[in-house]
Amino acid sequence: MQSLFSFPMDKSILMKWILRMKRVNWKPSTHSRLCSKHIERNQFQRLDHSKRIRKPCFGAIPTLFSHVKPIVQRETRNSRKSNEEGEELGNMKLCSHDHT
């Protein structure tokens, strides 16, 4: 069973969580949560001797991520070159032949 956890209030631990997530220019809100899949089992503590209720230990850092390569920003249409000679797109024809 997976659980969702709030981000830590301790600023130094919070920064470690954010860095591990590798999300550029992202900050968690009060509603942001992290899935328990990203925290190793030995980083949890049981609450009230329950087998089901658990929370991350103080100082636990998420380490289980399968980061993918970041999406590369594509060039905008206006910044692309229109042909092999490197002419700007602007008002130039896109090709030297007619498609009619």
PDB file of N, CA and C in Angstrom:
ATOM      1  N   MET A   1       0.839  -1.180   0.000  1.00  0.00           N
ATOM      2  CA  MET A   1       0.000   0.000   0.000  1.00  0.00           C
ATOM      3  C   MET A   1       0.886   1.246   0.000  1.00  0.00           C
ATOM      4  N   GLN A   2       0.600   2.170  -0.877  1.00  0.00           N
ATOM      5  CA  GLN A   2       1.379   3.399  -0.976  1.00  0.00           C
ATOM      6  C   GLN A   2       0.706   4.502  -0.175  1.00  0.00           C
ATOM      7  N   SER A   3       1.508   5.389   0.342  1.00  0.00           N
ATOM      8  CA  SER A   3       1.019   6.531   1.103  1.00  0.00           C
ATOM      9  C   SER A   3       1.585   7.805   0.500  1.00  0.00           C
ATOM     10  N   LEU A   4       0.938   8.907   0.793  1.00  0.00           N
ATOM     11  CA  LEU A   4       1.414  10.217   0.364  1.00  0.00           C
ATOM     12  C   LEU A   4       1.794  11.017   1.600  1.00  0.00           C
ATOM     13  N   PHE A   5       2.933  11.717   1.508  1.00  0.00           N
ATOM     14  CA  PHE A   5       3.430  12.457   2.655  1.00  0.00           C
ATOM     15  C   PHE A   5       3.640  13.918   2.308  1.00  0.00           C
ATOM     16  N   SER A   6       3.350  14.771   3.279  1.00  0.00           N
ATOM     17  CA  SER A   6       3.634  16.196   3.142  1.00  0.00           C
ATOM     18  C   SER A   6       5.135  16.408   3.127  1.00  0.00           C
ATOM     19  N   PHE A   7       5.546  17.518   2.572  1.00  0.00           N
ATOM     20  CA  PHE A   7       6.959  17.857   2.561  1.00  0.00           C
ATOM     21  C   PHE A   7       7.365  18.334   3.951  1.00  0.00           C
ATOM     22  N   PRO A   8       8.614  18.078   4.334  1.00  0.00           N
ATOM     23  CA  PRO A   8       9.051  18.431   5.688  1.00  0.00           C
ATOM     24  C   PRO A   8       9.064  19.941   5.930  1.00  0.00           C
ATOM     25  N   MET A   9       8.851  20.314   7.185  1.00  0.00           N
ATOM     26  CA  MET A   9       8.874  21.724   7.575  1.00  0.00           C
ATOM     27  C   MET A   9      10.305  22.220   7.778  1.00  0.00           C
ATOM     28  N   ASP A  10      11.213  21.335   8.178  1.00  0.00           N
ATOM     29  CA  ASP A  10      12.611  21.696   8.390  1.00  0.00           C
ATOM     30  C   ASP A  10      13.215  22.116   7.049  1.00  0.00           C
ATOM     31  N   LYS A  11      13.719  23.338   6.969  1.00  0.00           N
ATOM     32  CA  LYS A  11      14.179  23.889   5.685  1.00  0.00           C
ATOM     33  C   LYS A  11      15.351  23.125   5.076  1.00  0.00           C
ATOM     34  N   SER A  12      16.285  22.649   5.893  1.00  0.00           N
ATOM     35  CA  SER A  12      17.438  21.932   5.328  1.00  0.00           C
ATOM     36  C   SER A  12      17.013  20.576   4.763  1.00  0.00           C
ATOM     37  N   ILE A  13      16.099  19.903   5.433  1.00  0.00           N
ATOM     38  CA  ILE A  13      15.600  18.614   4.927  1.00  0.00           C
ATOM     39  C   ILE A  13      14.723  18.845   3.699  1.00  0.00           C
ATOM     40  N   LEU A  14      13.911  19.878   3.739  1.00  0.00           N
ATOM     41  CA  LEU A  14      13.061  20.219   2.594  1.00  0.00           C
ATOM     42  C   LEU A  14      13.907  20.448   1.348  1.00  0.00           C
ATOM     43  N   MET A  15      14.999  21.178   1.483  1.00  0.00           N
ATOM     44  CA  MET A  15      15.870  21.440   0.330  1.00  0.00           C
ATOM     45  C   MET A  15      16.450  20.139  -0.227  1.00  0.00           C
ATOM     46  N   LYS A  16      16.776  19.194   0.639  1.00  0.00           N
ATOM     47  CA  LYS A  16      17.293  17.903   0.176  1.00  0.00           C
ATOM     48  C   LYS A  16      16.224  17.145  -0.600  1.00  0.00           C
ATOM     49  N   TRP A  17      14.990  17.191  -0.128  1.00  0.00           N
ATOM     50  CA  TRP A  17      13.892  16.538  -0.842  1.00  0.00           C
ATOM     51  C   TRP A  17      13.746  17.153  -2.229  1.00  0.00           C
ATOM     52  N   ILE A  18      13.725  18.469  -2.294  1.00  0.00           N
ATOM     53  CA  ILE A  18      13.534  19.162  -3.572  1.00  0.00           C
ATOM     54  C   ILE A  18      14.680  18.847  -4.534  1.00  0.00           C
ATOM     55  N   LEU A  19      15.911  18.862  -4.041  1.00  0.00           N
ATOM     56  CA  LEU A  19      17.062  18.553  -4.897  1.00  0.00           C
ATOM     57  C   LEU A  19      16.997  17.128  -5.428  1.00  0.00           C
ATOM     58  N   ARG A  20      16.570  16.178  -4.603  1.00  0.00           N
ATOM     59  CA  ARG A  20      16.479  14.779  -5.034  1.00  0.00           C
ATOM     60  C   ARG A  20      15.433  14.586  -6.122  1.00  0.00           C
ATOM     61  N   MET A  21      14.400  15.412  -6.109  1.00  0.00           N
ATOM     62  CA  MET A  21      13.335  15.274  -7.097  1.00  0.00           C
ATOM     63  C   MET A  21      13.772  15.746  -8.476  1.00  0.00           C
ATOM     64  N   LYS A  22      14.775  16.607  -8.545  1.00  0.00           N
ATOM     65  CA  LYS A  22      15.307  17.121  -9.815  1.00  0.00           C
ATOM     66  C   LYS A  22      14.236  17.772 -10.693  1.00  0.00           C
ATOM     67  N   ARG A  23      13.413  18.586 -10.060  1.00  0.00           N
ATOM     68  CA  ARG A  23      12.416  19.353 -10.808  1.00  0.00           C
ATOM     69  C   ARG A  23      12.874  20.800 -10.844  1.00  0.00           C
ATOM     70  N   VAL A  24      13.132  21.305 -12.028  1.00  0.00           N
ATOM     71  CA  VAL A  24      13.673  22.645 -12.202  1.00  0.00           C
ATOM     72  C   VAL A  24      12.617  23.694 -11.858  1.00  0.00           C
ATOM     73  N   ASN A  25      13.032  24.694 -11.089  1.00  0.00           N
ATOM     74  CA  ASN A  25      12.173  25.832 -10.730  1.00  0.00           C
ATOM     75  C   ASN A  25      10.841  25.413 -10.116  1.00  0.00           C
ATOM     76  N   TRP A  26      10.865  24.417  -9.246  1.00  0.00           N
ATOM     77  CA  TRP A  26       9.641  23.944  -8.602  1.00  0.00           C
ATOM     78  C   TRP A  26       9.779  24.057  -7.098  1.00  0.00           C
ATOM     79  N   LYS A  27       8.720  24.514  -6.461  1.00  0.00           N
ATOM     80  CA  LYS A  27       8.675  24.577  -5.003  1.00  0.00           C
ATOM     81  C   LYS A  27       7.367  23.946  -4.560  1.00  0.00           C
ATOM     82  N   PRO A  28       7.404  23.119  -3.518  1.00  0.00           N
ATOM     83  CA  PRO A  28       6.168  22.488  -3.064  1.00  0.00           C
ATOM     84  C   PRO A  28       5.239  23.499  -2.400  1.00  0.00           C
ATOM     85  N   SER A  29       3.960  23.300  -2.602  1.00  0.00           N
ATOM     86  CA  SER A  29       2.960  24.117  -1.916  1.00  0.00           C
ATOM     87  C   SER A  29       2.533  23.366  -0.651  1.00  0.00           C
ATOM     88  N   THR A  30       1.638  23.935   0.096  1.00  0.00           N
ATOM     89  CA  THR A  30       1.144  23.250   1.294  1.00  0.00           C
ATOM     90  C   THR A  30       0.334  22.010   0.922  1.00  0.00           C
ATOM     91  N   HIS A  31      -0.090  21.922  -0.316  1.00  0.00           N
ATOM     92  CA  HIS A  31      -0.876  20.777  -0.777  1.00  0.00           C
ATOM     93  C   HIS A  31      -0.034  19.711  -1.479  1.00  0.00           C
ATOM     94  N   SER A  32       1.237  19.979  -1.711  1.00  0.00           N
ATOM     95  CA  SER A  32       2.116  19.030  -2.408  1.00  0.00           C
ATOM     96  C   SER A  32       2.378  17.808  -1.538  1.00  0.00           C
ATOM     97  N   ARG A  33       2.473  16.649  -2.186  1.00  0.00           N
ATOM     98  CA  ARG A  33       2.735  15.397  -1.478  1.00  0.00           C
ATOM     99  C   ARG A  33       3.759  14.593  -2.266  1.00  0.00           C
ATOM    100  N   LEU A  34       4.439  13.690  -1.554  1.00  0.00           N
ATOM    101  CA  LEU A  34       5.397  12.785  -2.173  1.00  0.00           C
ATOM    102  C   LEU A  34       4.973  11.361  -1.847  1.00  0.00           C
ATOM    103  N   CYS A  35       4.994  10.502  -2.835  1.00  0.00           N
ATOM    104  CA  CYS A  35       4.586   9.109  -2.682  1.00  0.00           C
ATOM    105  C   CYS A  35       5.641   8.325  -1.899  1.00  0.00           C
ATOM    106  N   SER A  36       5.189   7.382  -1.100  1.00  0.00           N
ATOM    107  CA  SER A  36       6.091   6.557  -0.285  1.00  0.00           C
ATOM    108  C   SER A  36       7.011   5.689  -1.132  1.00  0.00           C
ATOM    109  N   LYS A  37       6.717   5.503  -2.412  1.00  0.00           N
ATOM    110  CA  LYS A  37       7.587   4.712  -3.290  1.00  0.00           C
ATOM    111  C   LYS A  37       8.989   5.307  -3.399  1.00  0.00           C
ATOM    112  N   HIS A  38       9.128   6.590  -3.102  1.00  0.00           N
ATOM    113  CA  HIS A  38      10.410   7.274  -3.266  1.00  0.00           C
ATOM    114  C   HIS A  38      11.270   7.260  -2.005  1.00  0.00           C
ATOM    115  N   ILE A  39      10.770   6.648  -0.939  1.00  0.00           N
ATOM    116  CA  ILE A  39      11.499   6.608   0.328  1.00  0.00           C
ATOM    117  C   ILE A  39      11.777   5.152   0.677  1.00  0.00           C
ATOM    118  N   GLU A  40      13.017   4.859   1.015  1.00  0.00           N
ATOM    119  CA  GLU A  40      13.398   3.484   1.353  1.00  0.00           C
ATOM    120  C   GLU A  40      12.665   3.013   2.609  1.00  0.00           C
ATOM    121  N   ARG A  41      12.365   1.715   2.659  1.00  0.00           N
ATOM    122  CA  ARG A  41      11.602   1.157   3.783  1.00  0.00           C
ATOM    123  C   ARG A  41      12.237   1.409   5.141  1.00  0.00           C
ATOM    124  N   ASN A  42      13.562   1.377   5.195  1.00  0.00           N
ATOM    125  CA  ASN A  42      14.220   1.566   6.488  1.00  0.00           C
ATOM    126  C   ASN A  42      14.179   3.023   6.958  1.00  0.00           C
ATOM    127  N   GLN A  43      13.599   3.915   6.170  1.00  0.00           N
ATOM    128  CA  GLN A  43      13.480   5.332   6.521  1.00  0.00           C
ATOM    129  C   GLN A  43      12.120   5.675   7.140  1.00  0.00           C
ATOM    130  N   PHE A  44      11.322   4.640   7.443  1.00  0.00           N
ATOM    131  CA  PHE A  44       9.993   4.866   8.013  1.00  0.00           C
ATOM    132  C   PHE A  44       9.957   4.460   9.478  1.00  0.00           C
ATOM    133  N   GLN A  45       9.016   5.061  10.188  1.00  0.00           N
ATOM    134  CA  GLN A  45       8.733   4.640  11.557  1.00  0.00           C
ATOM    135  C   GLN A  45       7.248   4.305  11.649  1.00  0.00           C
ATOM    136  N   ARG A  46       6.931   3.323  12.474  1.00  0.00           N
ATOM    137  CA  ARG A  46       5.533   2.927  12.687  1.00  0.00           C
ATOM    138  C   ARG A  46       4.922   3.833  13.751  1.00  0.00           C
ATOM    139  N   LEU A  47       3.664   4.118  13.611  1.00  0.00           N
ATOM    140  CA  LEU A  47       2.967   4.944  14.587  1.00  0.00           C
ATOM    141  C   LEU A  47       2.054   4.083  15.446  1.00  0.00           C
ATOM    142  N   ASP A  48       2.099   4.273  16.738  1.00  0.00           N
ATOM    143  CA  ASP A  48       1.215   3.576  17.684  1.00  0.00           C
ATOM    144  C   ASP A  48       1.234   2.068  17.519  1.00  0.00           C
ATOM    145  N   HIS A  49       2.381   1.504  17.271  1.00  0.00           N
ATOM    146  CA  HIS A  49       2.555   0.053  17.121  1.00  0.00           C
ATOM    147  C   HIS A  49       1.635  -0.538  16.057  1.00  0.00           C
ATOM    148  N   SER A  50       1.244   0.277  15.121  1.00  0.00           N
ATOM    149  CA  SER A  50       0.382  -0.178  14.037  1.00  0.00           C
ATOM    150  C   SER A  50       1.234  -0.763  12.921  1.00  0.00           C
ATOM    151  N   LYS A  51       0.709  -1.767  12.281  1.00  0.00           N
ATOM    152  CA  LYS A  51       1.414  -2.358  11.145  1.00  0.00           C
ATOM    153  C   LYS A  51       1.168  -1.560   9.869  1.00  0.00           C
ATOM    154  N   ARG A  52       0.115  -0.757   9.856  1.00  0.00           N
ATOM    155  CA  ARG A  52      -0.260  -0.072   8.628  1.00  0.00           C
ATOM    156  C   ARG A  52       0.084   1.412   8.624  1.00  0.00           C
ATOM    157  N   ILE A  53       0.050   2.061   9.766  1.00  0.00           N
ATOM    158  CA  ILE A  53       0.285   3.501   9.791  1.00  0.00           C
ATOM    159  C   ILE A  53       1.766   3.768  10.001  1.00  0.00           C
ATOM    160  N   ARG A  54       2.357   4.524   9.090  1.00  0.00           N
ATOM    161  CA  ARG A  54       3.777   4.838   9.175  1.00  0.00           C
ATOM    162  C   ARG A  54       4.027   6.232   8.621  1.00  0.00           C
ATOM    163  N   LYS A  55       5.162   6.778   8.989  1.00  0.00           N
ATOM    164  CA  LYS A  55       5.579   8.070   8.450  1.00  0.00           C
ATOM    165  C   LYS A  55       7.090   8.057   8.336  1.00  0.00           C
ATOM    166  N   PRO A  56       7.642   8.924   7.483  1.00  0.00           N
ATOM    167  CA  PRO A  56       9.102   8.963   7.356  1.00  0.00           C
ATOM    168  C   PRO A  56       9.740   9.400   8.673  1.00  0.00           C
ATOM    169  N   CYS A  57      10.872   8.814   8.998  1.00  0.00           N
ATOM    170  CA  CYS A  57      11.633   9.229  10.175  1.00  0.00           C
ATOM    171  C   CYS A  57      12.097  10.666   9.973  1.00  0.00           C
ATOM    172  N   PHE A  58      12.358  11.371  11.077  1.00  0.00           N
ATOM    173  CA  PHE A  58      12.896  12.718  10.959  1.00  0.00           C
ATOM    174  C   PHE A  58      14.234  12.643  10.230  1.00  0.00           C
ATOM    175  N   GLY A  59      14.394  13.441   9.217  1.00  0.00           N
ATOM    176  CA  GLY A  59      15.637  13.449   8.449  1.00  0.00           C
ATOM    177  C   GLY A  59      15.654  12.479   7.282  1.00  0.00           C
ATOM    178  N   ALA A  60      14.571  11.713   7.089  1.00  0.00           N
ATOM    179  CA  ALA A  60      14.510  10.783   5.954  1.00  0.00           C
ATOM    180  C   ALA A  60      14.553  11.577   4.649  1.00  0.00           C
ATOM    181  N   ILE A  61      15.319  11.069   3.698  1.00  0.00           N
ATOM    182  CA  ILE A  61      15.476  11.729   2.401  1.00  0.00           C
ATOM    183  C   ILE A  61      15.014  10.769   1.310  1.00  0.00           C
ATOM    184  N   PRO A  62      14.131  11.198   0.410  1.00  0.00           N
ATOM    185  CA  PRO A  62      13.721  10.333  -0.695  1.00  0.00           C
ATOM    186  C   PRO A  62      14.898  10.071  -1.634  1.00  0.00           C
ATOM    187  N   THR A  63      15.116   8.802  -1.943  1.00  0.00           N
ATOM    188  CA  THR A  63      16.252   8.433  -2.801  1.00  0.00           C
ATOM    189  C   THR A  63      15.847   7.554  -3.975  1.00  0.00           C
ATOM    190  N   LEU A  64      14.624   7.092  -3.991  1.00  0.00           N
ATOM    191  CA  LEU A  64      14.207   6.137  -5.017  1.00  0.00           C
ATOM    192  C   LEU A  64      13.455   6.847  -6.142  1.00  0.00           C
ATOM    193  N   PHE A  65      14.202   7.244  -7.141  1.00  0.00           N
ATOM    194  CA  PHE A  65      13.631   7.918  -8.304  1.00  0.00           C
ATOM    195  C   PHE A  65      14.178   7.266  -9.563  1.00  0.00           C
ATOM    196  N   SER A  66      13.365   7.232 -10.593  1.00  0.00           N
ATOM    197  CA  SER A  66      13.849   6.778 -11.900  1.00  0.00           C
ATOM    198  C   SER A  66      13.759   7.981 -12.826  1.00  0.00           C
ATOM    199  N   HIS A  67      14.699   8.880 -12.646  1.00  0.00           N
ATOM    200  CA  HIS A  67      14.689  10.118 -13.426  1.00  0.00           C
ATOM    201  C   HIS A  67      14.896   9.819 -14.899  1.00  0.00           C
ATOM    202  N   VAL A  68      14.135  10.516 -15.698  1.00  0.00           N
ATOM    203  CA  VAL A  68      14.291  10.417 -17.143  1.00  0.00           C
ATOM    204  C   VAL A  68      15.001  11.670 -17.614  1.00  0.00           C
ATOM    205  N   LYS A  69      15.508  11.614 -18.825  1.00  0.00           N
ATOM    206  CA  LYS A  69      16.176  12.786 -19.370  1.00  0.00           C
ATOM    207  C   LYS A  69      15.175  13.932 -19.452  1.00  0.00           C
ATOM    208  N   PRO A  70      15.600  15.131 -19.112  1.00  0.00           N
ATOM    209  CA  PRO A  70      14.680  16.266 -19.199  1.00  0.00           C
ATOM    210  C   PRO A  70      14.267  16.525 -20.643  1.00  0.00           C
ATOM    211  N   ILE A  71      13.077  17.017 -20.812  1.00  0.00           N
ATOM    212  CA  ILE A  71      12.577  17.342 -22.145  1.00  0.00           C
ATOM    213  C   ILE A  71      13.316  18.573 -22.642  1.00  0.00           C
ATOM    214  N   VAL A  72      13.872  18.470 -23.826  1.00  0.00           N
ATOM    215  CA  VAL A  72      14.615  19.583 -24.411  1.00  0.00           C
ATOM    216  C   VAL A  72      13.620  20.530 -25.060  1.00  0.00           C
ATOM    217  N   GLN A  73      13.776  21.810 -24.769  1.00  0.00           N
ATOM    218  CA  GLN A  73      12.898  22.799 -25.383  1.00  0.00           C
ATOM    219  C   GLN A  73      13.126  22.821 -26.886  1.00  0.00           C
ATOM    220  N   ARG A  74      12.037  22.747 -27.633  1.00  0.00           N
ATOM    221  CA  ARG A  74      12.144  22.824 -29.083  1.00  0.00           C
ATOM    222  C   ARG A  74      12.239  24.273 -29.509  1.00  0.00           C
ATOM    223  N   GLU A  75      12.858  24.476 -30.656  1.00  0.00           N
ATOM    224  CA  GLU A  75      12.949  25.824 -31.203  1.00  0.00           C
ATOM    225  C   GLU A  75      11.560  26.300 -31.602  1.00  0.00           C
ATOM    226  N   THR A  76      11.326  27.581 -31.462  1.00  0.00           N
ATOM    227  CA  THR A  76      10.064  28.128 -31.937  1.00  0.00           C
ATOM    228  C   THR A  76      10.123  28.260 -33.450  1.00  0.00           C
ATOM    229  N   ARG A  77       8.985  28.335 -34.055  1.00  0.00           N
ATOM    230  CA  ARG A  77       8.910  28.419 -35.515  1.00  0.00           C
ATOM    231  C   ARG A  77       9.690  29.627 -36.029  1.00  0.00           C
ATOM    232  N   ASN A  78       9.618  30.747 -35.330  1.00  0.00           N
ATOM    233  CA  ASN A  78      10.300  31.964 -35.789  1.00  0.00           C
ATOM    234  C   ASN A  78      11.811  31.863 -35.676  1.00  0.00           C
ATOM    235  N   SER A  79      12.313  30.990 -34.819  1.00  0.00           N
ATOM    236  CA  SER A  79      13.766  30.915 -34.658  1.00  0.00           C
ATOM    237  C   SER A  79      14.411  29.890 -35.587  1.00  0.00           C
ATOM    238  N   ARG A  80      13.599  29.063 -36.250  1.00  0.00           N
ATOM    239  CA  ARG A  80      14.157  28.072 -37.173  1.00  0.00           C
ATOM    240  C   ARG A  80      14.627  28.727 -38.459  1.00  0.00           C
ATOM    241  N   LYS A  81      15.569  28.133 -39.079  1.00  0.00           N
ATOM    242  CA  LYS A  81      16.044  28.613 -40.376  1.00  0.00           C
ATOM    243  C   LYS A  81      15.129  28.053 -41.460  1.00  0.00           C
ATOM    244  N   SER A  82      14.927  28.831 -42.526  1.00  0.00           N
ATOM    245  CA  SER A  82      13.982  28.413 -43.554  1.00  0.00           C
ATOM    246  C   SER A  82      14.592  27.512 -44.618  1.00  0.00           C
ATOM    247  N   ASN A  83      15.894  27.560 -44.801  1.00  0.00           N
ATOM    248  CA  ASN A  83      16.494  26.705 -45.823  1.00  0.00           C
ATOM    249  C   ASN A  83      17.972  26.488 -45.533  1.00  0.00           C
ATOM    250  N   GLU A  84      18.646  25.758 -46.412  1.00  0.00           N
ATOM    251  CA  GLU A  84      20.051  25.420 -46.205  1.00  0.00           C
ATOM    252  C   GLU A  84      20.965  26.639 -46.173  1.00  0.00           C
ATOM    253  N   GLU A  85      20.591  27.717 -46.880  1.00  0.00           N
ATOM    254  CA  GLU A  85      21.436  28.908 -46.902  1.00  0.00           C
ATOM    255  C   GLU A  85      21.388  29.658 -45.584  1.00  0.00           C
ATOM    256  N   GLY A  86      20.477  29.283 -44.691  1.00  0.00           N
ATOM    257  CA  GLY A  86      20.400  29.918 -43.385  1.00  0.00           C
ATOM    258  C   GLY A  86      19.638  31.225 -43.369  1.00  0.00           C
ATOM    259  N   GLU A  87      18.742  31.442 -44.338  1.00  0.00           N
ATOM    260  CA  GLU A  87      17.962  32.671 -44.354  1.00  0.00           C
ATOM    261  C   GLU A  87      16.915  32.604 -43.249  1.00  0.00           C
ATOM    262  N   GLU A  88      16.629  33.738 -42.634  1.00  0.00           N
ATOM    263  CA  GLU A  88      15.619  33.802 -41.587  1.00  0.00           C
ATOM    264  C   GLU A  88      14.245  33.498 -42.181  1.00  0.00           C
ATOM    265  N   LEU A  89      13.346  32.958 -41.368  1.00  0.00           N
ATOM    266  CA  LEU A  89      12.017  32.566 -41.827  1.00  0.00           C
ATOM    267  C   LEU A  89      11.229  33.789 -42.299  1.00  0.00           C
ATOM    268  N   GLY A  90      11.052  34.773 -41.469  1.00  0.00           N
ATOM    269  CA  GLY A  90      10.388  36.028 -41.798  1.00  0.00           C
ATOM    270  C   GLY A  90       9.409  35.952 -42.949  1.00  0.00           C
ATOM    271  N   ASN A  91       9.612  36.772 -43.991  1.00  0.00           N
ATOM    272  CA  ASN A  91       8.732  36.827 -45.155  1.00  0.00           C
ATOM    273  C   ASN A  91       9.278  36.043 -46.338  1.00  0.00           C
ATOM    274  N   MET A  92      10.291  35.242 -46.143  1.00  0.00           N
ATOM    275  CA  MET A  92      10.908  34.497 -47.234  1.00  0.00           C
ATOM    276  C   MET A  92      10.039  33.302 -47.625  1.00  0.00           C
ATOM    277  N   LYS A  93      10.199  32.844 -48.879  1.00  0.00           N
ATOM    278  CA  LYS A  93       9.527  31.628 -49.317  1.00  0.00           C
ATOM    279  C   LYS A  93      10.163  30.443 -48.604  1.00  0.00           C
ATOM    280  N   LEU A  94       9.375  29.426 -48.315  1.00  0.00           N
ATOM    281  CA  LEU A  94       9.883  28.262 -47.607  1.00  0.00           C
ATOM    282  C   LEU A  94      10.651  27.321 -48.512  1.00  0.00           C
ATOM    283  N   CYS A  95      10.300  27.279 -49.781  1.00  0.00           N
ATOM    284  CA  CYS A  95      11.036  26.412 -50.698  1.00  0.00           C
ATOM    285  C   CYS A  95      11.039  27.056 -52.081  1.00  0.00           C
ATOM    286  N   SER A  96      11.931  26.580 -52.931  1.00  0.00           N
ATOM    287  CA  SER A  96      12.098  27.211 -54.238  1.00  0.00           C
ATOM    288  C   SER A  96      11.117  26.687 -55.281  1.00  0.00           C
ATOM    289  N   HIS A  97      10.384  25.618 -54.973  1.00  0.00           N
ATOM    290  CA  HIS A  97       9.439  25.097 -55.963  1.00  0.00           C
ATOM    291  C   HIS A  97       8.007  25.265 -55.461  1.00  0.00           C
ATOM    292  N   ASP A  98       7.072  25.197 -56.395  1.00  0.00           N
ATOM    293  CA  ASP A  98       5.664  25.400 -56.092  1.00  0.00           C
ATOM    294  C   ASP A  98       4.992  24.046 -55.892  1.00  0.00           C
ATOM    295  N   HIS A  99       4.063  23.951 -54.922  1.00  0.00           N
ATOM    296  CA  HIS A  99       3.365  22.689 -54.647  1.00  0.00           C
ATOM    297  C   HIS A  99       2.028  22.576 -55.370  1.00  0.00           C
ATOM    298  N   THR A 100       1.722  23.480 -56.312  1.00  0.00           N
ATOM    299  CA  THR A 100       0.424  23.417 -56.994  1.00  0.00           C
ATOM    300  C   THR A 100       0.475  22.574 -58.233  1.00  0.00           C
TER     301      THR A 100
END
